[in-house]
């Protein structure tokens, strides 16, 4: 899916639901102003934001409300975390799996 297709899909979901740009921005970990500029095509989405928009579209599942999947949210947050935090989390998970 190209950036333009993703933006079109996000705009369609926002128009057809009560979800606000603020909620989308919180999910993507950017400001509402940045989301507004991306959705109005004033600035292109970064690869990370594009991935987050795809994740968000999967989460809404056409229901107009985010799905309640804690794992999806945790994976999105991990993907958005700074590199050093991701490495720290992976070390912790590696150590936990050694205990099992």
PDB file of N, CA and C in Angstrom:
ATOM      1  N   UNK A   1       0.848  -1.173   0.000  1.00  0.00           N
ATOM      2  CA  UNK A   1       0.000   0.000   0.000  1.00  0.00           C
ATOM      3  C   UNK A   1       0.900   1.245   0.000  1.00  0.00           C
ATOM      4  N   UNK A   2       0.655   2.160  -0.909  1.00  0.00           N
ATOM      5  CA  UNK A   2       1.452   3.371  -1.008  1.00  0.00           C
ATOM      6  C   UNK A   2       0.982   4.412  -0.005  1.00  0.00           C
ATOM      7  N   UNK A   3       1.847   5.409   0.229  1.00  0.00           N
ATOM      8  CA  UNK A   3       1.519   6.474   1.189  1.00  0.00           C
ATOM      9  C   UNK A   3       0.181   7.131   0.870  1.00  0.00           C
ATOM     10  N   UNK A   4      -0.061   7.399  -0.404  1.00  0.00           N
ATOM     11  CA  UNK A   4      -1.318   8.073  -0.769  1.00  0.00           C
ATOM     12  C   UNK A   4      -2.524   7.198  -0.449  1.00  0.00           C
ATOM     13  N   UNK A   5      -2.382   5.887  -0.664  1.00  0.00           N
ATOM     14  CA  UNK A   5      -3.475   4.968  -0.343  1.00  0.00           C
ATOM     15  C   UNK A   5      -3.724   4.927   1.165  1.00  0.00           C
ATOM     16  N   UNK A   6      -2.638   4.919   1.934  1.00  0.00           N
ATOM     17  CA  UNK A   6      -2.759   4.886   3.388  1.00  0.00           C
ATOM     18  C   UNK A   6      -3.448   6.158   3.880  1.00  0.00           C
ATOM     19  N   UNK A   7      -3.010   7.302   3.360  1.00  0.00           N
ATOM     20  CA  UNK A   7      -3.605   8.578   3.773  1.00  0.00           C
ATOM     21  C   UNK A   7      -5.085   8.618   3.394  1.00  0.00           C
ATOM     22  N   UNK A   8      -5.417   8.152   2.200  1.00  0.00           N
ATOM     23  CA  UNK A   8      -6.827   8.105   1.789  1.00  0.00           C
ATOM     24  C   UNK A   8      -7.640   7.226   2.735  1.00  0.00           C
ATOM     25  N   UNK A   9      -7.086   6.063   3.088  1.00  0.00           N
ATOM     26  CA  UNK A   9      -7.797   5.134   3.968  1.00  0.00           C
ATOM     27  C   UNK A   9      -7.983   5.733   5.362  1.00  0.00           C
ATOM     28  N   UNK A  10      -6.948   6.375   5.892  1.00  0.00           N
ATOM     29  CA  UNK A  10      -7.045   6.996   7.217  1.00  0.00           C
ATOM     30  C   UNK A  10      -8.077   8.115   7.192  1.00  0.00           C
ATOM     31  N   UNK A  11      -8.021   8.953   6.177  1.00  0.00           N
ATOM     32  CA  UNK A  11      -9.006  10.036   6.061  1.00  0.00           C
ATOM     33  C   UNK A  11     -10.425   9.491   5.985  1.00  0.00           C
ATOM     34  N   UNK A  12     -10.617   8.398   5.261  1.00  0.00           N
ATOM     35  CA  UNK A  12     -11.948   7.799   5.142  1.00  0.00           C
ATOM     36  C   UNK A  12     -12.444   7.299   6.494  1.00  0.00           C
ATOM     37  N   UNK A  13     -11.564   6.650   7.260  1.00  0.00           N
ATOM     38  CA  UNK A  13     -11.957   6.154   8.583  1.00  0.00           C
ATOM     39  C   UNK A  13     -12.300   7.329   9.497  1.00  0.00           C
ATOM     40  N   UNK A  14     -11.473   8.362   9.482  1.00  0.00           N
ATOM     41  CA  UNK A  14     -11.737   9.515  10.351  1.00  0.00           C
ATOM     42  C   UNK A  14     -13.044  10.211   9.981  1.00  0.00           C
ATOM     43  N   UNK A  15     -13.329  10.312   8.689  1.00  0.00           N
ATOM     44  CA  UNK A  15     -14.584  10.945   8.250  1.00  0.00           C
ATOM     45  C   UNK A  15     -15.795  10.112   8.658  1.00  0.00           C
ATOM     46  N   UNK A  16     -15.650   8.805   8.628  1.00  0.00           N
ATOM     47  CA  UNK A  16     -16.793   7.933   8.887  1.00  0.00           C
ATOM     48  C   UNK A  16     -16.976   7.523  10.335  1.00  0.00           C
ATOM     49  N   UNK A  17     -16.137   8.021  11.223  1.00  0.00           N
ATOM     50  CA  UNK A  17     -16.225   7.629  12.634  1.00  0.00           C
ATOM     51  C   UNK A  17     -16.130   8.857  13.522  1.00  0.00           C
ATOM     52  N   UNK A  18     -16.175   8.616  14.799  1.00  0.00           N
ATOM     53  CA  UNK A  18     -16.015   9.696  15.771  1.00  0.00           C
ATOM     54  C   UNK A  18     -14.575   9.781  16.272  1.00  0.00           C
ATOM     55  N   UNK A  19     -13.670   9.074  15.632  1.00  0.00           N
ATOM     56  CA  UNK A  19     -12.269   9.102  16.036  1.00  0.00           C
ATOM     57  C   UNK A  19     -11.663  10.432  15.601  1.00  0.00           C
ATOM     58  N   UNK A  20     -10.931  11.034  16.505  1.00  0.00           N
ATOM     59  CA  UNK A  20     -10.330  12.341  16.231  1.00  0.00           C
ATOM     60  C   UNK A  20      -8.855  12.190  15.869  1.00  0.00           C
ATOM     61  N   UNK A  21      -8.344  13.191  15.184  1.00  0.00           N
ATOM     62  CA  UNK A  21      -6.922  13.198  14.832  1.00  0.00           C
ATOM     63  C   UNK A  21      -6.055  13.089  16.078  1.00  0.00           C
ATOM     64  N   UNK A  22      -6.507  13.645  17.175  1.00  0.00           N
ATOM     65  CA  UNK A  22      -5.742  13.598  18.431  1.00  0.00           C
ATOM     66  C   UNK A  22      -5.507  12.152  18.854  1.00  0.00           C
ATOM     67  N   UNK A  23      -6.535  11.297  18.753  1.00  0.00           N
ATOM     68  CA  UNK A  23      -6.411   9.891  19.117  1.00  0.00           C
ATOM     69  C   UNK A  23      -5.436   9.180  18.185  1.00  0.00           C
ATOM     70  N   UNK A  24      -5.529   9.490  16.906  1.00  0.00           N
ATOM     71  CA  UNK A  24      -4.604   8.915  15.929  1.00  0.00           C
ATOM     72  C   UNK A  24      -3.184   9.366  16.233  1.00  0.00           C
ATOM     73  N   UNK A  25      -3.018  10.638  16.548  1.00  0.00           N
ATOM     74  CA  UNK A  25      -1.687  11.175  16.862  1.00  0.00           C
ATOM     75  C   UNK A  25      -1.107  10.494  18.098  1.00  0.00           C
ATOM     76  N   UNK A  26      -1.931  10.289  19.112  1.00  0.00           N
ATOM     77  CA  UNK A  26      -1.461   9.598  20.316  1.00  0.00           C
ATOM     78  C   UNK A  26      -1.001   8.184  19.983  1.00  0.00           C
ATOM     79  N   UNK A  27      -1.771   7.484  19.166  1.00  0.00           N
ATOM     80  CA  UNK A  27      -1.393   6.132  18.776  1.00  0.00           C
ATOM     81  C   UNK A  27      -0.062   6.134  18.033  1.00  0.00           C
ATOM     82  N   UNK A  28       0.122   7.111  17.148  1.00  0.00           N
ATOM     83  CA  UNK A  28       1.332   7.185  16.322  1.00  0.00           C
ATOM     84  C   UNK A  28       2.497   7.875  17.033  1.00  0.00           C
ATOM     85  N   UNK A  29       2.223   8.429  18.214  1.00  0.00           N
ATOM     86  CA  UNK A  29       3.240   9.117  19.002  1.00  0.00           C
ATOM     87  C   UNK A  29       3.837  10.320  18.268  1.00  0.00           C
ATOM     88  N   UNK A  30       2.934  11.102  17.670  1.00  0.00           N
ATOM     89  CA  UNK A  30       3.295  12.373  17.048  1.00  0.00           C
ATOM     90  C   UNK A  30       2.252  13.388  17.492  1.00  0.00           C
ATOM     91  N   UNK A  31       2.451  14.648  17.126  1.00  0.00           N
ATOM     92  CA  UNK A  31       1.481  15.673  17.503  1.00  0.00           C
ATOM     93  C   UNK A  31       0.276  15.641  16.567  1.00  0.00           C
ATOM     94  N   UNK A  32      -0.823  16.182  17.057  1.00  0.00           N
ATOM     95  CA  UNK A  32      -2.020  16.274  16.226  1.00  0.00           C
ATOM     96  C   UNK A  32      -1.742  17.176  15.035  1.00  0.00           C
ATOM     97  N   UNK A  33      -0.954  18.225  15.239  1.00  0.00           N
ATOM     98  CA  UNK A  33      -0.613  19.132  14.143  1.00  0.00           C
ATOM     99  C   UNK A  33       0.139  18.431  13.028  1.00  0.00           C
ATOM    100  N   UNK A  34       1.037  17.528  13.413  1.00  0.00           N
ATOM    101  CA  UNK A  34       1.790  16.788  12.394  1.00  0.00           C
ATOM    102  C   UNK A  34       0.860  15.841  11.625  1.00  0.00           C
ATOM    103  N   UNK A  35      -0.024  15.172  12.346  1.00  0.00           N
ATOM    104  CA  UNK A  35      -1.000  14.299  11.686  1.00  0.00           C
ATOM    105  C   UNK A  35      -1.826  15.104  10.694  1.00  0.00           C
ATOM    106  N   UNK A  36      -2.263  16.284  11.107  1.00  0.00           N
ATOM    107  CA  UNK A  36      -3.060  17.136  10.226  1.00  0.00           C
ATOM    108  C   UNK A  36      -2.295  17.472   8.944  1.00  0.00           C
ATOM    109  N   UNK A  37      -1.030  17.831   9.080  1.00  0.00           N
ATOM    110  CA  UNK A  37      -0.221  18.168   7.900  1.00  0.00           C
ATOM    111  C   UNK A  37      -0.027  16.961   6.989  1.00  0.00           C
ATOM    112  N   UNK A  38       0.170  15.791   7.575  1.00  0.00           N
ATOM    113  CA  UNK A  38       0.345  14.574   6.765  1.00  0.00           C
ATOM    114  C   UNK A  38      -0.954  14.229   6.048  1.00  0.00           C
ATOM    115  N   UNK A  39      -2.069  14.282   6.781  1.00  0.00           N
ATOM    116  CA  UNK A  39      -3.353  13.903   6.182  1.00  0.00           C
ATOM    117  C   UNK A  39      -3.821  14.897   5.119  1.00  0.00           C
ATOM    118  N   UNK A  40      -3.357  16.128   5.217  1.00  0.00           N
ATOM    119  CA  UNK A  40      -3.697  17.110   4.182  1.00  0.00           C
ATOM    120  C   UNK A  40      -2.610  17.177   3.101  1.00  0.00           C
ATOM    121  N   UNK A  41      -1.656  16.272   3.210  1.00  0.00           N
ATOM    122  CA  UNK A  41      -0.570  16.110   2.231  1.00  0.00           C
ATOM    123  C   UNK A  41       0.354  17.330   2.134  1.00  0.00           C
ATOM    124  N   UNK A  42       0.457  18.082   3.221  1.00  0.00           N
ATOM    125  CA  UNK A  42       1.396  19.207   3.240  1.00  0.00           C
ATOM    126  C   UNK A  42       2.817  18.721   3.486  1.00  0.00           C
ATOM    127  N   UNK A  43       2.940  17.601   4.218  1.00  0.00           N
ATOM    128  CA  UNK A  43       4.242  16.957   4.432  1.00  0.00           C
ATOM    129  C   UNK A  43       4.066  15.456   4.231  1.00  0.00           C
ATOM    130  N   UNK A  44       5.096  14.772   3.714  1.00  0.00           N
ATOM    131  CA  UNK A  44       4.976  13.328   3.543  1.00  0.00           C
ATOM    132  C   UNK A  44       5.184  12.609   4.878  1.00  0.00           C
ATOM    133  N   UNK A  45       4.577  11.441   5.040  1.00  0.00           N
ATOM    134  CA  UNK A  45       4.796  10.701   6.285  1.00  0.00           C
ATOM    135  C   UNK A  45       6.188  10.064   6.280  1.00  0.00           C
ATOM    136  N   UNK A  46       6.802  10.021   7.445  1.00  0.00           N
ATOM    137  CA  UNK A  46       8.077   9.309   7.581  1.00  0.00           C
ATOM    138  C   UNK A  46       7.783   7.812   7.473  1.00  0.00           C
ATOM    139  N   UNK A  47       8.798   7.000   7.209  1.00  0.00           N
ATOM    140  CA  UNK A  47       8.559   5.546   7.167  1.00  0.00           C
ATOM    141  C   UNK A  47       7.958   5.015   8.472  1.00  0.00           C
ATOM    142  N   UNK A  48       8.407   5.548   9.603  1.00  0.00           N
ATOM    143  CA  UNK A  48       7.874   5.094  10.892  1.00  0.00           C
ATOM    144  C   UNK A  48       6.407   5.497  11.044  1.00  0.00           C
ATOM    145  N   UNK A  49       6.077   6.729  10.673  1.00  0.00           N
ATOM    146  CA  UNK A  49       4.679   7.167  10.761  1.00  0.00           C
ATOM    147  C   UNK A  49       3.814   6.371   9.799  1.00  0.00           C
ATOM    148  N   UNK A  50       4.337   6.105   8.615  1.00  0.00           N
ATOM    149  CA  UNK A  50       3.575   5.305   7.647  1.00  0.00           C
ATOM    150  C   UNK A  50       3.268   3.919   8.219  1.00  0.00           C
ATOM    151  N   UNK A  51       4.255   3.306   8.874  1.00  0.00           N
ATOM    152  CA  UNK A  51       4.034   1.993   9.500  1.00  0.00           C
ATOM    153  C   UNK A  51       2.995   2.094  10.611  1.00  0.00           C
ATOM    154  N   UNK A  52       3.055   3.176  11.386  1.00  0.00           N
ATOM    155  CA  UNK A  52       2.080   3.361  12.469  1.00  0.00           C
ATOM    156  C   UNK A  52       0.671   3.576  11.922  1.00  0.00           C
ATOM    157  N   UNK A  53       0.565   4.306  10.818  1.00  0.00           N
ATOM    158  CA  UNK A  53      -0.748   4.503  10.203  1.00  0.00           C
ATOM    159  C   UNK A  53      -1.316   3.176   9.718  1.00  0.00           C
ATOM    160  N   UNK A  54      -0.466   2.335   9.135  1.00  0.00           N
ATOM    161  CA  UNK A  54      -0.924   1.000   8.715  1.00  0.00           C
ATOM    162  C   UNK A  54      -1.391   0.197   9.920  1.00  0.00           C
ATOM    163  N   UNK A  55      -0.597   0.228  11.013  1.00  0.00           N
ATOM    164  CA  UNK A  55      -0.985  -0.488  12.232  1.00  0.00           C
ATOM    165  C   UNK A  55      -2.324   0.013  12.760  1.00  0.00           C
ATOM    166  N   UNK A  56      -2.508   1.333  12.724  1.00  0.00           N
ATOM    167  CA  UNK A  56      -3.751   1.913  13.210  1.00  0.00           C
ATOM    168  C   UNK A  56      -4.938   1.460  12.366  1.00  0.00           C
ATOM    169  N   UNK A  57      -4.733   1.426  11.045  1.00  0.00           N
ATOM    170  CA  UNK A  57      -5.821   0.970  10.170  1.00  0.00           C
ATOM    171  C   UNK A  57      -6.195  -0.476  10.474  1.00  0.00           C
ATOM    172  N   UNK A  58      -5.209  -1.301  10.751  1.00  0.00           N
ATOM    173  CA  UNK A  58      -5.490  -2.686  11.117  1.00  0.00           C
ATOM    174  C   UNK A  58      -6.251  -2.724  12.436  1.00  0.00           C
ATOM    175  N   UNK A  59      -5.853  -1.861  13.373  1.00  0.00           N
ATOM    176  CA  UNK A  59      -6.492  -1.842  14.693  1.00  0.00           C
ATOM    177  C   UNK A  59      -7.957  -1.452  14.645  1.00  0.00           C
ATOM    178  N   UNK A  60      -8.304  -0.498  13.792  1.00  0.00           N
ATOM    179  CA  UNK A  60      -9.704  -0.069  13.784  1.00  0.00           C
ATOM    180  C   UNK A  60     -10.610  -1.124  13.159  1.00  0.00           C
ATOM    181  N   UNK A  61     -10.051  -2.013  12.360  1.00  0.00           N
ATOM    182  CA  UNK A  61     -10.813  -3.160  11.836  1.00  0.00           C
ATOM    183  C   UNK A  61     -12.157  -2.796  11.227  1.00  0.00           C
ATOM    184  N   UNK A  62     -12.284  -1.587  10.728  1.00  0.00           N
ATOM    185  CA  UNK A  62     -13.540  -1.192  10.111  1.00  0.00           C
ATOM    186  C   UNK A  62     -14.676  -1.001  11.088  1.00  0.00           C
ATOM    187  N   UNK A  63     -14.398  -1.073  12.383  1.00  0.00           N
ATOM    188  CA  UNK A  63     -15.457  -0.938  13.379  1.00  0.00           C
ATOM    189  C   UNK A  63     -15.629   0.494  13.835  1.00  0.00           C
ATOM    190  N   UNK A  64     -14.681   1.342  13.530  1.00  0.00           N
ATOM    191  CA  UNK A  64     -14.756   2.722  13.983  1.00  0.00           C
ATOM    192  C   UNK A  64     -14.192   2.927  15.363  1.00  0.00           C
ATOM    193  N   UNK A  65     -13.729   1.853  15.989  1.00  0.00           N
ATOM    194  CA  UNK A  65     -13.121   1.963  17.312  1.00  0.00           C
ATOM    195  C   UNK A  65     -11.898   1.054  17.356  1.00  0.00           C
ATOM    196  N   UNK A  66     -10.864   1.500  18.014  1.00  0.00           N
ATOM    197  CA  UNK A  66      -9.678   0.648  18.088  1.00  0.00           C
ATOM    198  C   UNK A  66      -9.995  -0.694  18.719  1.00  0.00           C
ATOM    199  N   UNK A  67      -9.395  -1.747  18.177  1.00  0.00           N
ATOM    200  CA  UNK A  67      -9.534  -3.078  18.752  1.00  0.00           C
ATOM    201  C   UNK A  67      -8.780  -3.112  20.072  1.00  0.00           C
ATOM    202  N   UNK A  68      -9.155  -3.994  20.953  1.00  0.00           N
ATOM    203  CA  UNK A  68      -8.547  -4.034  22.278  1.00  0.00           C
ATOM    204  C   UNK A  68      -7.457  -5.090  22.341  1.00  0.00           C
ATOM    205  N   UNK A  69      -6.480  -4.978  21.499  1.00  0.00           N
ATOM    206  CA  UNK A  69      -5.387  -5.940  21.512  1.00  0.00           C
ATOM    207  C   UNK A  69      -4.166  -5.329  22.186  1.00  0.00           C
ATOM    208  N   UNK A  70      -3.894  -5.782  23.387  1.00  0.00           N
ATOM    209  CA  UNK A  70      -2.752  -5.266  24.128  1.00  0.00           C
ATOM    210  C   UNK A  70      -1.445  -5.607  23.432  1.00  0.00           C
ATOM    211  N   UNK A  71      -1.385  -6.765  22.807  1.00  0.00           N
ATOM    212  CA  UNK A  71      -0.163  -7.168  22.119  1.00  0.00           C
ATOM    213  C   UNK A  71       0.133  -6.240  20.939  1.00  0.00           C
ATOM    214  N   UNK A  72      -0.881  -5.897  20.170  1.00  0.00           N
ATOM    215  CA  UNK A  72      -0.680  -4.978  19.044  1.00  0.00           C
ATOM    216  C   UNK A  72      -0.158  -3.630  19.531  1.00  0.00           C
ATOM    217  N   UNK A  73      -0.739  -3.144  20.617  1.00  0.00           N
ATOM    218  CA  UNK A  73      -0.297  -1.860  21.164  1.00  0.00           C
ATOM    219  C   UNK A  73       1.137  -1.946  21.664  1.00  0.00           C
ATOM    220  N   UNK A  74       1.467  -3.039  22.340  1.00  0.00           N
ATOM    221  CA  UNK A  74       2.830  -3.202  22.857  1.00  0.00           C
ATOM    222  C   UNK A  74       3.832  -3.285  21.717  1.00  0.00           C
ATOM    223  N   UNK A  75       3.487  -3.988  20.647  1.00  0.00           N
ATOM    224  CA  UNK A  75       4.395  -4.091  19.506  1.00  0.00           C
ATOM    225  C   UNK A  75       4.582  -2.739  18.826  1.00  0.00           C
ATOM    226  N   UNK A  76       3.534  -1.978  18.719  1.00  0.00           N
ATOM    227  CA  UNK A  76       3.639  -0.656  18.119  1.00  0.00           C
ATOM    228  C   UNK A  76       4.517   0.253  18.973  1.00  0.00           C
ATOM    229  N   UNK A  77       4.323   0.200  20.288  1.00  0.00           N
ATOM    230  CA  UNK A  77       5.145   1.012  21.182  1.00  0.00           C
ATOM    231  C   UNK A  77       6.602   0.578  21.123  1.00  0.00           C
ATOM    232  N   UNK A  78       6.846  -0.730  21.047  1.00  0.00           N
ATOM    233  CA  UNK A  78       8.223  -1.224  20.941  1.00  0.00           C
ATOM    234  C   UNK A  78       8.855  -0.752  19.642  1.00  0.00           C
ATOM    235  N   UNK A  79       8.098  -0.799  18.559  1.00  0.00           N
ATOM    236  CA  UNK A  79       8.602  -0.367  17.252  1.00  0.00           C
ATOM    237  C   UNK A  79       8.961   1.125  17.268  1.00  0.00           C
ATOM    238  N   UNK A  80       8.242   1.908  18.056  1.00  0.00           N
ATOM    239  CA  UNK A  80       8.466   3.354  18.123  1.00  0.00           C
ATOM    240  C   UNK A  80       9.497   3.770  19.157  1.00  0.00           C
ATOM    241  N   UNK A  81       9.913   2.832  19.987  1.00  0.00           N
ATOM    242  CA  UNK A  81      10.858   3.170  21.053  1.00  0.00           C
ATOM    243  C   UNK A  81      12.235   3.466  20.465  1.00  0.00           C
ATOM    244  N   UNK A  82      13.003   4.296  21.149  1.00  0.00           N
ATOM    245  CA  UNK A  82      14.378   4.543  20.698  1.00  0.00           C
ATOM    246  C   UNK A  82      15.179   3.240  20.683  1.00  0.00           C
ATOM    247  N   UNK A  83      16.198   3.189  19.846  1.00  0.00           N
ATOM    248  CA  UNK A  83      16.986   1.970  19.663  1.00  0.00           C
ATOM    249  C   UNK A  83      17.528   1.409  20.973  1.00  0.00           C
ATOM    250  N   UNK A  84      18.061   2.275  21.839  1.00  0.00           N
ATOM    251  CA  UNK A  84      18.639   1.771  23.086  1.00  0.00           C
ATOM    252  C   UNK A  84      17.573   1.138  23.982  1.00  0.00           C
ATOM    253  N   UNK A  85      16.370   1.683  24.001  1.00  0.00           N
ATOM    254  CA  UNK A  85      15.295   1.080  24.795  1.00  0.00           C
ATOM    255  C   UNK A  85      14.858  -0.250  24.211  1.00  0.00           C
ATOM    256  N   UNK A  86      14.786  -0.326  22.873  1.00  0.00           N
ATOM    257  CA  UNK A  86      14.412  -1.596  22.241  1.00  0.00           C
ATOM    258  C   UNK A  86      15.431  -2.677  22.576  1.00  0.00           C
ATOM    259  N   UNK A  87      16.711  -2.326  22.521  1.00  0.00           N
ATOM    260  CA  UNK A  87      17.759  -3.312  22.827  1.00  0.00           C
ATOM    261  C   UNK A  87      17.660  -3.764  24.283  1.00  0.00           C
ATOM    262  N   UNK A  88      17.390  -2.840  25.183  1.00  0.00           N
ATOM    263  CA  UNK A  88      17.244  -3.174  26.593  1.00  0.00           C
ATOM    264  C   UNK A  88      16.075  -4.151  26.790  1.00  0.00           C
ATOM    265  N   UNK A  89      14.961  -3.864  26.150  1.00  0.00           N
ATOM    266  CA  UNK A  89      13.788  -4.739  26.254  1.00  0.00           C
ATOM    267  C   UNK A  89      14.093  -6.117  25.676  1.00  0.00           C
ATOM    268  N   UNK A  90      14.787  -6.156  24.552  1.00  0.00           N
ATOM    269  CA  UNK A  90      15.135  -7.455  23.954  1.00  0.00           C
ATOM    270  C   UNK A  90      16.065  -8.255  24.866  1.00  0.00           C
ATOM    271  N   UNK A  91      17.002  -7.593  25.546  1.00  0.00           N
ATOM    272  CA  UNK A  91      17.870  -8.285  26.500  1.00  0.00           C
ATOM    273  C   UNK A  91      17.054  -8.864  27.653  1.00  0.00           C
ATOM    274  N   UNK A  92      16.099  -8.087  28.142  1.00  0.00           N
ATOM    275  CA  UNK A  92      15.244  -8.575  29.221  1.00  0.00           C
ATOM    276  C   UNK A  92      14.459  -9.793  28.756  1.00  0.00           C
ATOM    277  N   UNK A  93      13.882  -9.738  27.565  1.00  0.00           N
ATOM    278  CA  UNK A  93      13.116 -10.873  27.044  1.00  0.00           C
ATOM    279  C   UNK A  93      13.987 -12.101  26.846  1.00  0.00           C
ATOM    280  N   UNK A  94      15.210 -11.886  26.379  1.00  0.00           N
ATOM    281  CA  UNK A  94      16.152 -13.003  26.211  1.00  0.00           C
ATOM    282  C   UNK A  94      16.450 -13.657  27.549  1.00  0.00           C
ATOM    283  N   UNK A  95      16.683 -12.849  28.577  1.00  0.00           N
ATOM    284  CA  UNK A  95      16.952 -13.387  29.901  1.00  0.00           C
ATOM    285  C   UNK A  95      15.738 -14.110  30.484  1.00  0.00           C
ATOM    286  N   UNK A  96      14.554 -13.564  30.224  1.00  0.00           N
ATOM    287  CA  UNK A  96      13.328 -14.235  30.710  1.00  0.00           C
ATOM    288  C   UNK A  96      13.132 -15.576  30.023  1.00  0.00           C
ATOM    289  N   UNK A  97      13.402 -15.628  28.716  1.00  0.00           N
ATOM    290  CA  UNK A  97      13.202 -16.903  28.012  1.00  0.00           C
ATOM    291  C   UNK A  97      14.198 -17.957  28.484  1.00  0.00           C
ATOM    292  N   UNK A  98      15.363 -17.518  28.960  1.00  0.00           N
ATOM    293  CA  UNK A  98      16.342 -18.475  29.498  1.00  0.00           C
ATOM    294  C   UNK A  98      15.865 -19.084  30.799  1.00  0.00           C
ATOM    295  N   UNK A  99      15.003 -18.394  31.536  1.00  0.00           N
ATOM    296  CA  UNK A  99      14.486 -18.893  32.797  1.00  0.00           C
ATOM    297  C   UNK A  99      13.418 -19.973  32.615  1.00  0.00           C
ATOM    298  N   UNK A 100      12.796 -19.983  31.471  1.00  0.00           N
ATOM    299  CA  UNK A 100      11.668 -20.908  31.237  1.00  0.00           C
ATOM    300  C   UNK A 100      12.162 -22.294  30.924  1.00  0.00           C
TER     301      UNK A 100
END
